[in-house]
N, C-alpha and C. Protein backbone atom coordinates (compact mmCIF):
# COMPACT_ATOMS: atom_id res chain seq x y z
N UNK A 1 0.78 -1.15 -0.06
CA UNK A 1 0.01 0.07 -0.11
C UNK A 1 0.84 1.42 0.01
N UNK A 2 1.96 1.26 0.81
CA UNK A 2 2.81 2.33 0.87
C UNK A 2 3.56 2.52 -0.34
N UNK A 3 4.02 1.43 -0.85
CA UNK A 3 4.61 1.33 -2.28
C UNK A 3 3.95 2.36 -3.24
N UNK A 4 2.83 2.42 -3.38
CA UNK A 4 2.19 3.22 -4.49
C UNK A 4 2.33 4.78 -4.16
N UNK A 5 2.63 4.98 -2.97
CA UNK A 5 2.77 6.54 -2.43
C UNK A 5 4.20 7.09 -2.78
N UNK A 6 5.03 6.20 -3.29
CA UNK A 6 6.41 6.59 -3.41
C UNK A 6 7.09 6.56 -4.69
N UNK A 7 8.07 7.24 -5.08
CA UNK A 7 8.65 6.93 -6.43
C UNK A 7 9.35 5.90 -6.60
N UNK A 8 9.83 5.44 -7.79
CA UNK A 8 10.33 4.18 -8.04
C UNK A 8 11.43 3.86 -7.57
N UNK A 9 12.41 4.85 -7.27
CA UNK A 9 13.63 4.77 -6.49
C UNK A 9 13.75 4.12 -5.14
N UNK A 10 12.40 4.12 -4.42
CA UNK A 10 12.40 3.89 -3.03
C UNK A 10 11.97 2.16 -3.21
N UNK A 11 12.42 1.56 -2.35
CA UNK A 11 12.23 0.11 -2.23
C UNK A 11 11.38 0.07 -0.72
N UNK A 12 10.18 -0.63 -0.94
CA UNK A 12 9.21 -0.92 0.07
C UNK A 12 9.08 -2.09 0.50
N UNK A 13 9.01 -2.68 1.62
CA UNK A 13 8.69 -3.87 2.13
C UNK A 13 7.82 -4.01 3.10
N UNK A 14 6.52 -4.52 2.92
CA UNK A 14 5.61 -4.51 4.03
C UNK A 14 5.16 -6.01 4.58
N UNK A 15 4.71 -5.90 5.64
CA UNK A 15 4.26 -7.24 6.38
C UNK A 15 2.86 -7.07 6.90
N UNK A 16 2.13 -8.00 6.63
CA UNK A 16 0.57 -7.98 7.13
C UNK A 16 0.49 -9.08 8.28
N UNK A 17 -0.47 -8.80 9.31
CA UNK A 17 -0.64 -9.81 10.00
C UNK A 17 0.32 -10.52 10.63
N UNK A 18 0.23 -11.90 10.70
CA UNK A 18 1.36 -12.66 10.90
C UNK A 18 2.31 -13.18 10.00
N UNK A 19 2.54 -12.37 9.02
CA UNK A 19 3.52 -12.65 7.82
C UNK A 19 5.11 -13.21 8.41
N UNK A 20 5.33 -12.30 9.33
CA UNK A 20 6.54 -12.57 10.07
C UNK A 20 6.46 -13.59 11.16
N UNK A 21 7.32 -14.53 11.19
CA UNK A 21 7.40 -15.63 12.27
C UNK A 21 7.78 -14.91 13.76
N UNK A 22 7.28 -15.67 14.68
CA UNK A 22 7.31 -15.08 16.02
C UNK A 22 8.73 -14.97 16.34
N UNK A 23 9.75 -15.60 16.06
CA UNK A 23 11.15 -15.73 16.37
C UNK A 23 11.87 -14.88 15.24
N UNK A 24 11.43 -13.78 14.73
CA UNK A 24 12.03 -13.03 13.77
C UNK A 24 13.31 -12.65 14.31
N UNK A 25 14.53 -12.71 13.55
CA UNK A 25 15.93 -12.62 14.03
C UNK A 25 16.02 -10.98 14.29
N UNK A 26 16.86 -10.86 15.56
CA UNK A 26 17.40 -9.66 15.68
C UNK A 26 18.86 -9.53 16.16
N UNK A 27 19.47 -8.59 15.81
CA UNK A 27 20.88 -8.73 16.18
C UNK A 27 20.94 -8.46 17.62
N UNK A 28 22.16 -8.81 18.19
CA UNK A 28 22.42 -8.61 19.65
C UNK A 28 22.23 -7.28 20.25
N UNK A 29 22.64 -6.21 19.40
CA UNK A 29 22.63 -4.95 19.90
C UNK A 29 21.05 -4.51 19.91
N UNK A 30 20.24 -5.09 18.74
CA UNK A 30 18.75 -4.70 18.70
C UNK A 30 18.03 -5.34 20.02
N UNK A 31 18.54 -6.72 20.12
CA UNK A 31 17.87 -7.36 21.33
C UNK A 31 18.11 -6.49 22.36
N UNK A 32 19.19 -5.96 22.64
CA UNK A 32 19.29 -5.37 23.98
C UNK A 32 18.25 -4.11 24.16
N UNK A 33 17.84 -3.37 22.99
CA UNK A 33 17.05 -2.53 23.12
C UNK A 33 15.73 -2.73 23.72
N UNK A 34 15.24 -3.97 23.23
CA UNK A 34 13.81 -4.30 23.74
C UNK A 34 13.78 -5.40 24.56
N UNK A 35 14.93 -5.58 25.49
CA UNK A 35 15.27 -6.80 26.38
C UNK A 35 14.11 -6.75 27.26
N UNK A 36 13.65 -5.50 27.83
CA UNK A 36 12.54 -5.23 28.92
C UNK A 36 11.36 -5.17 28.39
N UNK A 37 11.09 -4.94 27.06
CA UNK A 37 9.69 -4.59 26.35
C UNK A 37 8.78 -5.74 26.52
N UNK A 38 7.50 -5.51 26.32
CA UNK A 38 6.44 -6.45 26.40
C UNK A 38 6.34 -7.01 24.92
N UNK A 39 5.78 -8.06 24.95
CA UNK A 39 5.78 -9.03 23.85
C UNK A 39 5.54 -8.28 22.50
N UNK A 40 4.43 -7.44 22.74
CA UNK A 40 3.83 -6.96 21.50
C UNK A 40 4.69 -5.88 20.94
N UNK A 41 5.44 -5.10 21.83
CA UNK A 41 6.37 -3.95 21.23
C UNK A 41 7.70 -4.82 20.55
N UNK A 42 8.04 -5.94 21.36
CA UNK A 42 9.11 -6.78 20.67
C UNK A 42 8.93 -7.17 19.26
N UNK A 43 7.66 -7.64 19.13
CA UNK A 43 7.25 -8.37 17.89
C UNK A 43 7.10 -7.06 16.74
N UNK A 44 6.45 -5.97 17.31
CA UNK A 44 6.71 -4.76 16.19
C UNK A 44 8.00 -4.43 15.80
N UNK A 45 8.90 -4.28 16.88
CA UNK A 45 10.21 -3.94 16.55
C UNK A 45 10.99 -4.72 15.58
N UNK A 46 10.75 -6.23 15.94
CA UNK A 46 11.36 -7.20 14.93
C UNK A 46 10.70 -7.09 13.69
N UNK A 47 9.47 -6.91 13.42
CA UNK A 47 8.85 -7.03 12.10
C UNK A 47 9.39 -6.00 11.22
N UNK A 48 9.49 -4.65 11.82
CA UNK A 48 9.89 -3.66 10.82
C UNK A 48 11.44 -3.69 10.57
N UNK A 49 12.14 -4.46 11.38
CA UNK A 49 13.64 -4.52 11.17
C UNK A 49 13.63 -5.66 10.13
N UNK A 50 12.92 -6.85 10.35
CA UNK A 50 12.88 -7.70 8.97
C UNK A 50 12.50 -7.01 7.95
N UNK A 51 11.59 -6.14 7.82
CA UNK A 51 11.15 -5.52 6.36
C UNK A 51 12.33 -4.52 5.99
N UNK A 52 13.05 -3.74 6.96
CA UNK A 52 14.30 -3.19 6.53
C UNK A 52 15.28 -3.82 6.03
N UNK A 53 15.55 -5.08 6.47
CA UNK A 53 16.69 -5.80 5.97
C UNK A 53 16.39 -6.19 4.75
N UNK A 54 15.20 -6.77 4.42
CA UNK A 54 14.71 -7.21 3.06
C UNK A 54 15.00 -6.10 1.87
N UNK A 55 14.55 -4.85 2.52
CA UNK A 55 14.70 -3.64 1.56
C UNK A 55 16.19 -3.41 1.38
N UNK A 56 17.10 -3.68 2.41
CA UNK A 56 18.38 -3.53 2.17
C UNK A 56 18.85 -4.48 1.12
N UNK A 57 18.46 -5.68 1.18
CA UNK A 57 18.98 -6.81 0.11
C UNK A 57 18.57 -6.32 -1.30
N UNK A 58 17.30 -5.87 -1.32
CA UNK A 58 16.84 -5.40 -2.74
C UNK A 58 17.41 -4.24 -3.14
N UNK A 59 18.28 -3.39 -2.44
CA UNK A 59 19.25 -2.52 -2.89
C UNK A 59 20.67 -2.72 -2.97
N UNK A 60 20.97 -4.24 -2.62
CA UNK A 60 22.27 -4.89 -2.75
C UNK A 60 23.14 -4.24 -1.55
N UNK A 61 22.43 -4.06 -0.51
CA UNK A 61 23.32 -3.69 0.68
C UNK A 61 23.16 -4.80 1.64
N UNK A 62 24.21 -5.34 2.16
CA UNK A 62 24.13 -6.42 3.14
C UNK A 62 23.35 -6.04 4.25
N UNK A 63 22.63 -7.01 4.90
CA UNK A 63 21.74 -6.81 5.87
C UNK A 63 22.54 -6.00 7.21
N UNK A 64 22.06 -5.09 7.75
CA UNK A 64 22.64 -4.47 9.06
C UNK A 64 21.77 -4.32 10.16
N UNK A 65 22.26 -4.19 11.66
CA UNK A 65 21.14 -3.81 12.57
C UNK A 65 20.79 -2.40 12.37
N UNK A 66 19.42 -2.29 12.82
CA UNK A 66 18.98 -0.82 12.66
C UNK A 66 18.37 -0.46 14.23
N UNK A 67 19.38 0.50 14.65
CA UNK A 67 19.26 0.82 16.07
C UNK A 67 18.50 2.24 16.03
N UNK A 68 17.60 2.34 17.21
CA UNK A 68 17.21 3.79 17.25
C UNK A 68 18.17 4.84 17.57
N UNK A 69 18.31 5.93 17.10
CA UNK A 69 19.15 7.03 17.53
C UNK A 69 18.32 8.14 18.30
N UNK A 70 18.63 9.19 18.18
CA UNK A 70 18.07 10.19 18.91
C UNK A 70 16.64 10.36 18.65
N UNK A 71 15.88 10.75 19.54
CA UNK A 71 14.33 10.62 19.38
C UNK A 71 13.93 9.44 18.73
N UNK A 72 14.60 8.26 18.82
CA UNK A 72 14.08 6.96 18.21
C UNK A 72 14.18 6.92 16.65
N UNK A 73 14.82 8.08 16.01
CA UNK A 73 15.03 7.97 14.57
C UNK A 73 15.93 6.52 14.23
N UNK A 74 15.59 5.86 13.14
CA UNK A 74 16.23 4.75 12.96
C UNK A 74 17.68 5.21 12.25
N UNK A 75 18.78 4.74 12.76
CA UNK A 75 20.13 4.75 12.03
C UNK A 75 20.40 3.67 10.96
N UNK A 76 20.55 4.32 9.80
CA UNK A 76 20.55 3.50 8.57
C UNK A 76 21.87 3.29 8.05
N UNK A 77 22.43 2.38 7.39
CA UNK A 77 23.81 2.22 6.99
C UNK A 77 24.12 3.30 6.13
N UNK A 78 25.58 3.60 6.05
CA UNK A 78 25.98 4.70 5.09
C UNK A 78 25.55 4.68 3.57
N UNK A 79 25.04 5.97 3.21
CA UNK A 79 24.62 5.75 1.83
C UNK A 79 23.28 5.44 1.51
N UNK A 80 22.36 5.23 2.73
CA UNK A 80 20.84 4.82 2.72
C UNK A 80 20.11 6.09 3.62
N UNK A 81 18.89 6.29 3.12
CA UNK A 81 18.04 6.83 4.00
C UNK A 81 16.56 6.20 3.81
N UNK A 82 16.00 6.40 5.03
CA UNK A 82 14.70 5.80 4.90
C UNK A 82 13.87 5.82 6.07
N UNK A 83 12.63 5.10 6.09
CA UNK A 83 11.72 5.36 7.28
C UNK A 83 11.06 3.94 7.52
N UNK A 84 10.43 3.90 8.71
CA UNK A 84 9.87 2.72 9.24
C UNK A 84 8.41 3.00 9.98
N UNK A 85 7.39 2.06 9.74
CA UNK A 85 6.26 2.23 10.49
C UNK A 85 5.51 1.04 11.08
N UNK A 86 4.79 1.01 12.17
CA UNK A 86 4.12 0.00 12.43
C UNK A 86 2.77 0.23 13.11
N UNK A 87 1.74 -0.33 12.90
CA UNK A 87 0.52 -0.55 13.81
C UNK A 87 0.02 -1.87 13.82
N UNK A 88 -1.09 -2.02 14.58
CA UNK A 88 -1.58 -3.47 14.79
C UNK A 88 -1.89 -4.06 13.53
N UNK A 89 -0.97 -5.05 13.34
CA UNK A 89 -1.21 -6.10 12.28
C UNK A 89 -0.48 -5.74 10.85
N UNK A 90 0.28 -4.67 11.01
CA UNK A 90 0.94 -4.17 9.92
C UNK A 90 2.35 -3.49 10.24
N UNK A 91 3.50 -3.66 9.53
CA UNK A 91 4.67 -3.25 9.61
C UNK A 91 5.31 -2.97 8.10
N UNK A 92 6.20 -1.95 7.97
CA UNK A 92 6.60 -1.61 6.70
C UNK A 92 8.03 -0.87 6.93
N UNK A 93 8.67 -0.76 5.99
CA UNK A 93 9.98 -0.04 5.98
C UNK A 93 10.18 0.35 4.48
N UNK A 94 10.74 1.55 4.15
CA UNK A 94 10.87 2.11 3.00
C UNK A 94 12.33 2.56 3.02
N UNK A 95 13.30 2.23 1.88
CA UNK A 95 14.55 2.72 1.77
C UNK A 95 15.02 3.11 0.45
N UNK A 96 15.85 4.13 0.48
CA UNK A 96 16.20 4.63 -0.77
C UNK A 96 17.71 4.92 -0.68
N UNK A 97 18.44 5.00 -1.73
CA UNK A 97 19.82 5.64 -1.78
C UNK A 97 19.88 6.96 -1.38
N UNK A 98 20.72 7.44 -0.75
CA UNK A 98 20.89 8.82 -0.40
C UNK A 98 21.13 9.79 -1.47
N UNK A 99 21.63 9.13 -2.48
CA UNK A 99 21.84 10.01 -3.85
C UNK A 99 20.60 10.35 -4.54
N UNK A 100 19.45 9.46 -4.18
CA UNK A 100 18.19 9.66 -4.92
C UNK A 100 17.31 10.49 -4.21
N UNK A 101 17.20 10.56 -2.95
CA UNK A 101 16.42 11.58 -2.00
C UNK A 101 17.16 11.81 -0.97
N UNK A 102 16.83 13.28 -0.52
CA UNK A 102 17.42 13.89 0.70
C UNK A 102 16.86 13.18 1.82
N UNK A 103 15.49 12.78 2.03
CA UNK A 103 14.93 12.25 3.02
C UNK A 103 13.49 11.84 2.62
N UNK A 104 12.98 10.90 3.58
CA UNK A 104 11.54 10.19 3.47
C UNK A 104 11.11 9.99 4.61
N UNK A 105 9.81 10.11 4.68
CA UNK A 105 8.82 9.66 5.83
C UNK A 105 7.78 8.94 5.28
N UNK A 106 7.38 7.68 6.08
CA UNK A 106 6.14 7.12 5.99
C UNK A 106 5.52 6.70 7.15
N UNK A 107 4.21 6.59 7.30
CA UNK A 107 3.23 6.19 8.38
C UNK A 107 2.13 5.57 8.06
N UNK A 108 1.70 4.61 8.82
CA UNK A 108 0.54 3.87 8.73
C UNK A 108 -0.46 3.88 10.22
N UNK A 109 -1.76 3.99 9.92
CA UNK A 109 -2.28 3.98 11.25
C UNK A 109 -3.79 3.33 10.98
N UNK A 110 -4.32 2.63 11.95
CA UNK A 110 -5.68 2.16 11.67
C UNK A 110 -6.41 3.02 11.29
N UNK A 111 -7.52 2.63 10.30
CA UNK A 111 -8.23 3.37 9.58
C UNK A 111 -9.49 3.55 10.48
N UNK A 112 -9.48 4.40 11.48
CA UNK A 112 -10.59 4.60 12.26
C UNK A 112 -10.41 6.16 12.98
N UNK A 113 -11.40 6.78 13.61
CA UNK A 113 -11.26 8.03 14.33
C UNK A 113 -10.06 8.01 15.20
N UNK A 114 -9.64 9.26 15.34
CA UNK A 114 -8.54 9.58 16.50
C UNK A 114 -9.37 9.47 17.82
N UNK A 115 -8.49 8.94 19.01
CA UNK A 115 -9.31 8.98 20.16
C UNK A 115 -9.78 10.37 20.68
N UNK A 116 -10.51 10.50 21.45
CA UNK A 116 -11.21 11.82 21.89
C UNK A 116 -9.99 12.56 22.47
N UNK A 117 -9.92 14.00 22.00
CA UNK A 117 -8.99 14.74 22.63
C UNK A 117 -7.65 14.93 21.75
N UNK A 118 -7.35 13.99 20.95
CA UNK A 118 -6.05 13.97 20.19
C UNK A 118 -6.34 14.92 19.12
N UNK A 119 -7.22 15.28 18.39
CA UNK A 119 -7.28 16.02 17.36
C UNK A 119 -6.80 17.35 17.94
N UNK A 120 -7.43 17.93 18.93
CA UNK A 120 -7.39 19.04 19.46
C UNK A 120 -5.84 19.37 19.94
N UNK A 121 -5.19 18.46 20.14
CA UNK A 121 -3.59 18.48 20.47
C UNK A 121 -2.77 18.38 19.28
N UNK A 122 -3.09 18.11 18.17
CA UNK A 122 -2.31 18.22 17.06
C UNK A 122 -2.81 18.83 15.85
N UNK A 123 -4.00 19.48 15.88
CA UNK A 123 -4.52 20.24 14.72
C UNK A 123 -4.63 21.68 14.95
N UNK A 124 -4.04 22.48 14.04
CA UNK A 124 -4.09 24.09 14.07
C UNK A 124 -5.72 24.18 13.65
N UNK A 125 -6.33 25.44 14.08
CA UNK A 125 -7.72 25.82 13.93
C UNK A 125 -7.85 25.68 12.25
N UNK A 126 -6.93 26.37 11.56
CA UNK A 126 -7.07 26.37 9.98
C UNK A 126 -7.32 24.75 9.43
N UNK A 127 -6.22 23.84 10.16
CA UNK A 127 -6.53 22.53 9.72
C UNK A 127 -7.95 21.84 10.18
N UNK A 128 -8.43 22.17 11.26
CA UNK A 128 -9.63 21.75 11.81
C UNK A 128 -10.68 22.08 10.69
N UNK A 129 -10.84 23.38 10.19
CA UNK A 129 -11.80 23.93 9.50
C UNK A 129 -11.63 23.27 8.19
N UNK A 130 -10.40 22.88 7.67
CA UNK A 130 -10.46 22.13 6.39
C UNK A 130 -10.92 20.52 6.45
N UNK A 131 -10.75 20.23 7.63
CA UNK A 131 -11.04 18.65 7.86
C UNK A 131 -12.84 18.62 7.89
N UNK A 132 -13.28 19.68 8.37
CA UNK A 132 -14.93 19.68 8.41
C UNK A 132 -15.19 19.76 7.00
N UNK A 133 -14.50 20.56 6.08
CA UNK A 133 -15.10 20.53 4.76
C UNK A 133 -14.72 19.15 4.00
N UNK A 134 -13.71 18.57 4.40
CA UNK A 134 -13.29 17.31 3.58
C UNK A 134 -14.31 16.18 4.09
N UNK A 135 -14.62 16.12 5.37
CA UNK A 135 -15.56 15.43 5.88
C UNK A 135 -17.08 15.46 5.22
N UNK A 136 -17.39 16.93 5.06
CA UNK A 136 -18.50 16.75 4.29
C UNK A 136 -18.65 16.47 3.01
N UNK A 137 -17.52 16.83 2.30
CA UNK A 137 -17.39 16.33 0.80
C UNK A 137 -17.16 14.84 0.76
N UNK A 138 -16.34 14.30 1.40
CA UNK A 138 -15.96 12.85 1.40
C UNK A 138 -16.10 12.08 2.60
N UNK A 139 -17.26 11.76 3.08
CA UNK A 139 -17.42 11.15 4.42
C UNK A 139 -16.58 9.84 4.68
N UNK A 140 -16.27 9.19 3.57
CA UNK A 140 -15.91 7.86 3.78
C UNK A 140 -14.56 7.64 4.44
N UNK A 141 -13.88 8.68 4.55
CA UNK A 141 -12.53 8.66 5.18
C UNK A 141 -12.49 9.49 6.52
N UNK A 142 -11.52 8.88 7.40
CA UNK A 142 -11.42 9.41 8.76
C UNK A 142 -10.29 10.35 8.75
N UNK A 143 -10.58 11.79 8.30
CA UNK A 143 -9.74 12.87 7.92
C UNK A 143 -8.82 12.97 9.18
N UNK A 144 -9.36 12.96 10.48
CA UNK A 144 -8.49 13.41 11.61
C UNK A 144 -7.45 12.39 11.79
N UNK A 145 -7.75 11.14 11.73
CA UNK A 145 -6.63 9.95 11.36
C UNK A 145 -5.58 10.52 10.25
N UNK A 146 -6.14 10.76 9.17
CA UNK A 146 -5.29 11.05 8.18
C UNK A 146 -4.40 12.27 8.46
N UNK A 147 -5.05 13.24 9.01
CA UNK A 147 -3.93 14.39 9.39
C UNK A 147 -3.03 13.93 10.32
N UNK A 148 -3.26 13.26 11.38
CA UNK A 148 -2.43 12.86 12.27
C UNK A 148 -1.25 12.08 11.55
N UNK A 149 -1.50 11.11 10.66
CA UNK A 149 -0.55 10.18 9.90
C UNK A 149 0.29 11.06 9.02
N UNK A 150 -0.23 12.11 8.39
CA UNK A 150 0.62 12.99 7.56
C UNK A 150 1.68 13.97 8.38
N UNK A 151 1.19 14.29 9.65
CA UNK A 151 2.03 14.94 10.50
C UNK A 151 3.32 14.15 10.94
N UNK A 152 2.87 12.74 11.17
CA UNK A 152 3.92 11.78 11.59
C UNK A 152 4.99 11.50 10.38
N UNK A 153 4.50 11.52 9.11
CA UNK A 153 5.39 11.35 8.33
C UNK A 153 6.00 12.46 7.79
N UNK A 154 5.55 13.67 7.88
CA UNK A 154 6.37 15.03 7.87
C UNK A 154 7.48 14.97 8.98
N UNK A 155 7.22 14.73 10.12
CA UNK A 155 8.25 14.60 11.17
C UNK A 155 9.44 13.69 11.04
N UNK A 156 8.76 12.51 10.28
CA UNK A 156 10.00 11.50 10.06
C UNK A 156 10.75 11.92 8.82
N UNK A 157 10.60 12.56 7.89
CA UNK A 157 11.25 13.37 7.00
C UNK A 157 12.12 14.27 7.37
N UNK A 158 11.42 15.15 8.41
CA UNK A 158 12.22 16.42 8.84
C UNK A 158 13.28 16.05 9.69
N UNK A 159 13.38 15.15 10.38
CA UNK A 159 14.30 14.89 11.75
C UNK A 159 15.56 14.72 10.97
N UNK A 160 15.54 13.46 10.14
CA UNK A 160 17.09 13.44 9.68
C UNK A 160 17.81 14.58 8.82
N UNK A 161 17.15 15.57 8.44
CA UNK A 161 17.49 16.78 7.85
C UNK A 161 18.04 17.80 8.94
N UNK A 162 17.38 17.86 10.10
CA UNK A 162 17.57 18.94 10.98
C UNK A 162 18.08 18.50 12.51
N UNK A 163 17.77 17.20 12.72
CA UNK A 163 18.14 16.86 14.13
C UNK A 163 17.54 17.64 15.06
N UNK A 164 16.29 17.98 14.69
CA UNK A 164 15.51 19.01 15.75
C UNK A 164 14.12 18.37 15.88
N UNK A 165 13.50 18.60 16.93
CA UNK A 165 12.07 18.47 17.11
C UNK A 165 11.33 19.36 16.20
N UNK A 166 10.02 18.90 15.78
CA UNK A 166 8.94 19.72 15.00
C UNK A 166 7.75 19.22 15.80
N UNK A 167 7.13 20.27 16.28
CA UNK A 167 5.92 20.04 17.01
C UNK A 167 4.72 20.08 16.06
N UNK A 168 3.55 19.33 16.41
CA UNK A 168 2.52 19.34 15.50
C UNK A 168 1.97 20.52 15.21
N UNK A 169 2.13 21.59 15.92
CA UNK A 169 1.48 23.11 15.62
C UNK A 169 2.74 23.74 14.64
N UNK A 170 3.85 23.01 14.38
CA UNK A 170 4.68 23.90 13.48
C UNK A 170 4.64 23.38 11.76
N UNK A 171 3.69 22.62 11.60
CA UNK A 171 3.41 22.26 10.01
C UNK A 171 1.97 22.32 9.81
N UNK A 172 1.62 23.22 9.01
CA UNK A 172 0.21 23.47 8.48
C UNK A 172 -0.08 22.65 7.31
N UNK A 173 -0.86 21.42 7.43
CA UNK A 173 -1.21 20.45 6.45
C UNK A 173 -2.49 20.89 5.73
N UNK A 174 -2.31 20.78 4.28
CA UNK A 174 -3.46 20.88 3.56
C UNK A 174 -3.68 19.79 2.74
N UNK A 175 -4.89 18.99 2.82
CA UNK A 175 -4.84 17.72 2.13
C UNK A 175 -5.82 17.82 0.93
N UNK A 176 -5.40 17.07 -0.22
CA UNK A 176 -6.07 17.08 -1.46
C UNK A 176 -6.49 15.80 -1.70
N UNK A 177 -7.58 15.80 -2.57
CA UNK A 177 -8.13 14.48 -2.96
C UNK A 177 -8.07 14.41 -4.42
N UNK A 178 -7.62 13.19 -5.09
CA UNK A 178 -7.48 13.05 -6.27
C UNK A 178 -8.61 13.03 -6.99
N UNK A 179 -8.98 13.48 -8.28
CA UNK A 179 -10.12 13.45 -9.04
C UNK A 179 -10.58 11.98 -9.19
N UNK A 180 -11.90 11.55 -8.77
CA UNK A 180 -12.42 10.31 -9.10
C UNK A 180 -11.78 9.17 -7.95
N UNK A 181 -11.12 9.58 -7.12
CA UNK A 181 -10.43 8.75 -6.20
C UNK A 181 -10.49 9.20 -4.90
N UNK A 182 -11.81 8.99 -4.19
CA UNK A 182 -12.01 9.56 -2.87
C UNK A 182 -11.05 9.00 -1.74
N UNK A 183 -10.47 8.00 -2.02
CA UNK A 183 -9.58 7.32 -1.04
C UNK A 183 -8.04 7.47 -1.07
N UNK A 184 -7.76 8.35 -2.11
CA UNK A 184 -6.36 8.71 -2.57
C UNK A 184 -6.15 10.09 -2.73
N UNK A 185 -4.86 10.58 -2.46
CA UNK A 185 -4.69 12.02 -2.69
C UNK A 185 -3.11 12.41 -2.36
N UNK A 186 -2.99 13.91 -2.35
CA UNK A 186 -1.84 14.20 -1.83
C UNK A 186 -2.02 15.24 -0.77
N UNK A 187 -0.83 15.63 -0.21
CA UNK A 187 -0.84 16.77 0.71
C UNK A 187 0.29 17.51 0.77
N UNK A 188 0.29 18.82 1.26
CA UNK A 188 1.26 19.84 1.26
C UNK A 188 1.38 20.21 2.73
N UNK A 189 2.65 20.30 3.49
CA UNK A 189 2.80 20.72 4.47
C UNK A 189 3.66 22.15 4.52
N UNK A 190 3.14 23.14 4.94
CA UNK A 190 3.78 24.45 5.22
C UNK A 190 4.52 24.41 6.49
N UNK A 191 5.63 24.66 6.41
CA UNK A 191 6.87 24.49 7.53
C UNK A 191 6.45 26.16 8.31
N UNK A 192 6.17 26.01 9.48
CA UNK A 192 5.98 27.10 10.20
C UNK A 192 7.13 27.65 11.19
N UNK A 193 8.09 27.12 10.79
CA UNK A 193 9.30 27.29 11.48
C UNK A 193 10.55 27.22 10.14
N UNK A 194 11.69 27.64 10.46
CA UNK A 194 12.58 27.71 9.29
C UNK A 194 12.79 26.42 9.03
N UNK A 195 12.60 25.90 7.63
CA UNK A 195 12.97 24.59 7.11
C UNK A 195 14.45 24.38 6.98
N UNK A 196 14.64 23.10 6.48
CA UNK A 196 16.05 22.46 6.41
C UNK A 196 16.59 23.01 5.18
N UNK A 197 17.73 23.22 5.18
CA UNK A 197 18.59 23.72 3.97
C UNK A 197 18.89 22.31 3.08
N UNK A 198 18.16 22.32 1.83
CA UNK A 198 18.41 21.29 0.93
C UNK A 198 18.79 21.59 -0.30
N UNK A 199 20.02 21.24 -0.76
CA UNK A 199 20.51 21.59 -2.20
C UNK A 199 20.79 23.26 -2.02
N UNK A 200 21.09 23.83 -0.98
CA UNK A 200 21.42 25.18 -0.95
C UNK A 200 20.21 25.94 -0.87
N UNK A 201 19.06 25.32 -0.67
CA UNK A 201 17.86 26.46 -0.39
C UNK A 201 17.12 25.84 0.69
N UNK A 202 16.54 26.75 1.51
CA UNK A 202 15.77 26.57 2.51
C UNK A 202 14.29 26.22 2.28
N UNK A 203 13.96 24.91 2.57
CA UNK A 203 12.57 24.28 2.34
C UNK A 203 11.44 25.14 3.14
N UNK A 204 10.33 25.47 2.49
CA UNK A 204 9.18 25.90 2.96
C UNK A 204 8.00 24.92 3.03
N UNK A 205 8.14 24.02 2.28
CA UNK A 205 7.09 22.91 2.13
C UNK A 205 7.73 21.43 1.97
N UNK A 206 6.83 20.71 2.64
CA UNK A 206 7.22 19.14 2.27
C UNK A 206 5.80 18.72 1.53
N UNK A 207 6.18 17.90 0.67
CA UNK A 207 4.91 17.23 -0.28
C UNK A 207 4.92 15.73 -0.03
N UNK A 208 3.50 15.14 0.05
CA UNK A 208 3.41 14.00 0.21
C UNK A 208 2.14 13.33 -0.38
N UNK A 209 1.90 12.02 -0.34
CA UNK A 209 0.89 11.41 -0.79
C UNK A 209 0.18 10.48 0.23
N UNK A 210 -1.06 10.15 0.12
CA UNK A 210 -1.98 9.42 1.13
C UNK A 210 -2.85 8.53 0.43
N UNK A 211 -3.15 7.39 1.19
CA UNK A 211 -4.18 6.27 0.69
C UNK A 211 -4.81 5.74 1.74
N UNK A 212 -6.04 5.39 1.72
CA UNK A 212 -6.67 4.69 2.58
C UNK A 212 -7.45 3.26 2.06
N UNK A 213 -7.34 2.35 2.66
CA UNK A 213 -7.69 0.92 2.30
C UNK A 213 -7.13 -0.12 3.23
N UNK A 214 -7.75 -1.18 3.04
CA UNK A 214 -7.49 -2.55 3.68
C UNK A 214 -7.38 -2.21 5.22
N UNK A 215 -8.12 -1.32 5.77
CA UNK A 215 -8.10 -1.23 7.12
C UNK A 215 -6.99 -0.22 7.56
N UNK A 216 -6.40 0.37 6.74
CA UNK A 216 -5.26 1.22 6.94
C UNK A 216 -5.53 2.89 6.64
N UNK A 217 -4.64 3.65 7.11
CA UNK A 217 -4.44 5.05 6.69
C UNK A 217 -3.04 5.20 6.29
N UNK A 218 -2.49 5.37 5.12
CA UNK A 218 -1.11 5.33 5.01
C UNK A 218 -0.63 6.65 4.32
N UNK A 219 0.48 7.30 4.88
CA UNK A 219 1.00 8.40 4.11
C UNK A 219 2.40 8.45 3.94
N UNK A 220 3.03 9.02 3.06
CA UNK A 220 4.38 9.24 2.87
C UNK A 220 4.80 10.51 2.37
N UNK A 221 5.97 10.98 2.90
CA UNK A 221 6.65 12.25 2.40
C UNK A 221 7.99 12.03 1.59
N UNK A 222 8.22 12.71 0.47
CA UNK A 222 9.64 12.41 -0.04
C UNK A 222 10.26 13.88 -0.02
N UNK A 223 11.35 13.95 0.01
CA UNK A 223 12.21 15.31 -0.04
C UNK A 223 13.20 15.22 -1.14
N UNK A 224 13.02 15.65 -2.43
CA UNK A 224 14.32 15.47 -3.28
C UNK A 224 15.14 16.47 -2.95
N UNK A 225 16.44 16.19 -3.80
CA UNK A 225 17.62 16.88 -3.46
C UNK A 225 17.33 18.46 -4.18
N UNK A 226 16.61 18.37 -5.08
CA UNK A 226 16.35 19.64 -5.80
C UNK A 226 14.92 20.03 -6.09
């Protein structure tokens, strides 16, 4: 599902349900990260790393451990950039050569409304107004969940470029719907703080794609070099 949201230079591997065996291999240094974690957390951690290693193989890169770095951002082998996501019953990793993209971010969420109170914590007033319009025009989608997922993808693409936190209130996201495709579309995030320098220019916007289907809301952001 996420593959269709990304350019052809990006390799994506997804796992649904119980595609991955219970004893999915972890490197010793990865095992140390989740040694005290509950079973669900360990499984999610292992599944997305299995996806990541299969993506490395597709790019001709030997498998490596993927350890969480600052603020949990995955640390990729030299020459690669990427992103991982997981939610109940689903995990995915997307990798690309760093020469092809400056950064990318992916996110998947269950296709359902956000818990009470979450939208108020993550959405700007202008975003809430636009969500009301989208809900009126296209009631089949959970637009609050989509906005949350888009902000997660924006942050995952932002952090490797800046090594700084980006608050939910610091990106204003406008969601578009593809003509004739009520469950597919694009979005643009206007950065409300100084953006990263990429290719000698300071970015003001991140652009992404989204899709809803199979019980999931999926979003992806790519940041080109130029």
